[in-house]
Amino acid sequence: MNARIEHIAIWTRDIEVMRAFYSEALGGASGRLYENRVTGFKSYFMSFGEGPRLELMHQPGRAPSSTAAGGGHIALALGSRAAVDEAIATLRQRGVSVESDPRVTGDGYYEAVVLDPERNRIELTA
């Protein structure tokens, strides 16, 4: 088997707020809205340059679960320590919740953590 991650998906309470955050605050490019009018399911695929995409999903009656096994974080590579520092300063000015300021972690990453509007953890790495 020669597999690669194509995309990661998360459930959202408010798909439009989440799409705006990931595109405006984090620079993602949003694909078109997919909507199944029978089930009420909606999704957007967000691209962040090369690599896997993020799918934002919403369906009436189906709320995200913060207690789901395996729910950890989304990591976005920004390319340098300076880019991480700049992003944190910009996001803080925009009112984005910063969970942890830039630092070197025990495993050697230079990273900071912000929260999206639904409190998912986003790691910004060098």
Protein backbone atom coordinates (compact mmCIF):
# COMPACT_ATOMS: atom_id res chain seq x y z
CA MET A 1 0.00 0.00 0.00
CA ASN A 2 1.23 3.48 -0.88
CA ALA A 3 -1.09 5.78 1.03
CA ARG A 4 -1.01 9.49 1.76
CA ILE A 5 -3.39 11.70 3.70
CA GLU A 6 -5.72 13.42 1.23
CA HIS A 7 -7.77 15.39 3.74
CA ILE A 8 -8.81 15.64 7.38
CA ALA A 9 -12.44 16.48 8.24
CA ILE A 10 -14.00 18.18 11.24
CA TRP A 11 -17.65 18.73 12.16
CA THR A 12 -18.70 22.33 12.74
CA ARG A 13 -21.56 24.08 14.47
CA ASP A 14 -21.41 27.09 12.11
CA ILE A 15 -19.76 26.18 8.82
CA GLU A 16 -19.74 29.74 7.45
CA VAL A 17 -18.03 31.19 10.54
CA MET A 18 -15.46 28.41 10.39
CA ARG A 19 -14.87 28.88 6.64
CA ALA A 20 -14.34 32.61 7.18
CA PHE A 21 -11.86 31.95 9.99
CA TYR A 22 -9.81 29.40 8.06
CA SER A 23 -9.71 31.59 4.94
CA GLU A 24 -9.41 35.09 6.41
CA ALA A 25 -7.37 34.44 9.56
CA LEU A 26 -5.26 31.50 8.38
CA GLY A 27 -5.04 32.09 4.62
CA GLY A 28 -6.78 28.94 3.42
CA ALA A 29 -8.41 28.82 0.01
CA SER A 30 -12.01 27.65 0.17
CA GLY A 31 -13.53 25.40 -2.42
CA ARG A 32 -17.19 25.71 -3.37
CA LEU A 33 -19.94 24.71 -0.99
CA TYR A 34 -21.16 21.12 -1.39
CA GLU A 35 -24.71 20.66 -0.18
CA ASN A 36 -26.94 17.59 -0.05
CA ARG A 37 -30.43 19.06 0.10
CA VAL A 38 -31.96 15.74 1.15
CA THR A 39 -29.79 15.16 4.25
CA GLY A 40 -28.84 18.79 4.96
CA PHE A 41 -25.14 17.87 4.87
CA LYS A 42 -22.81 20.71 3.81
CA SER A 43 -19.05 20.89 3.43
CA TYR A 44 -16.19 23.04 2.23
CA PHE A 45 -12.70 21.84 1.40
CA MET A 46 -9.98 24.27 2.52
CA SER A 47 -6.54 24.18 0.87
CA PHE A 48 -3.33 25.41 2.45
CA GLY A 49 -0.78 25.16 -0.33
CA GLU A 50 0.56 21.68 -0.96
CA GLY A 51 -0.54 18.66 0.97
CA PRO A 52 -3.72 17.48 2.65
CA ARG A 53 -6.86 19.61 2.70
CA LEU A 54 -9.19 20.35 5.59
CA GLU A 55 -12.87 19.53 5.13
CA LEU A 56 -15.32 21.56 7.21
CA MET A 57 -18.59 19.66 7.61
CA HIS A 58 -22.02 20.53 8.98
CA GLN A 59 -25.30 18.66 9.24
CA PRO A 60 -28.35 19.65 11.29
CA GLY A 61 -28.55 17.59 14.47
CA ARG A 62 -24.93 16.52 14.27
CA ALA A 63 -22.73 18.56 16.57
CA PRO A 64 -18.97 18.21 16.93
CA SER A 65 -17.82 16.32 20.00
CA SER A 66 -14.89 17.67 21.97
CA THR A 67 -14.65 14.34 23.76
CA ALA A 68 -14.21 12.20 20.65
CA ALA A 69 -11.25 9.86 20.85
CA GLY A 70 -8.34 11.10 18.80
CA GLY A 71 -9.40 14.74 18.60
CA GLY A 72 -6.13 16.59 18.94
CA HIS A 73 -5.14 19.49 16.73
CA ILE A 74 -4.52 20.71 13.20
CA ALA A 75 -0.96 21.78 12.41
CA LEU A 76 -0.10 24.37 9.75
CA ALA A 77 3.55 24.84 8.75
CA LEU A 78 4.41 28.50 8.19
CA GLY A 79 8.02 28.00 7.15
CA SER A 80 10.02 29.95 9.74
CA ARG A 81 10.11 31.11 13.34
CA ALA A 82 9.62 34.69 12.16
CA ALA A 83 6.47 33.67 10.28
CA VAL A 84 5.07 32.01 13.42
CA ASP A 85 5.86 35.09 15.52
CA GLU A 86 4.27 37.39 12.94
CA ALA A 87 1.18 35.20 12.60
CA ILE A 88 0.62 35.15 16.37
CA ALA A 89 0.93 38.94 16.58
CA THR A 90 -1.52 39.39 13.68
CA LEU A 91 -4.00 36.82 14.97
CA ARG A 92 -3.90 38.28 18.48
CA GLN A 93 -4.72 41.72 17.00
CA ARG A 94 -7.70 40.14 15.20
CA GLY A 95 -9.00 38.81 18.51
CA VAL A 96 -8.11 35.18 17.87
CA SER A 97 -7.62 33.24 21.09
CA VAL A 98 -3.94 32.33 21.57
CA GLU A 99 -3.62 29.24 23.73
CA SER A 100 0.18 29.21 23.82
CA ASP A 101 2.77 31.67 22.61
CA PRO A 102 5.63 30.64 20.32
CA ARG A 103 8.09 28.27 21.96
CA VAL A 104 10.36 25.33 21.25
CA THR A 105 8.64 22.12 22.31
CA GLY A 106 10.29 19.07 23.81
CA ASP A 107 10.27 17.36 20.42
CA GLY A 108 12.04 20.31 18.79
CA TYR A 109 9.15 22.11 17.05
CA TYR A 110 8.91 25.88 17.14
CA GLU A 111 5.19 26.36 17.50
CA ALA A 112 2.33 28.37 18.91
CA VAL A 113 -1.28 27.29 19.39
CA VAL A 114 -4.44 29.26 18.58
CA LEU A 115 -8.08 28.28 18.84
CA ASP A 116 -10.56 28.49 15.99
CA PRO A 117 -14.07 29.88 16.64
CA GLU A 118 -15.25 26.45 17.83
CA ARG A 119 -12.19 25.97 20.07
CA ASN A 120 -10.31 23.46 17.90
CA ARG A 121 -6.56 23.70 18.52
CA ILE A 122 -4.45 24.95 15.59
CA GLU A 123 -0.68 24.56 15.85
CA LEU A 124 1.31 27.06 13.84
CA THR A 125 4.79 25.62 13.26
CA ALA A 126 8.02 26.90 11.76
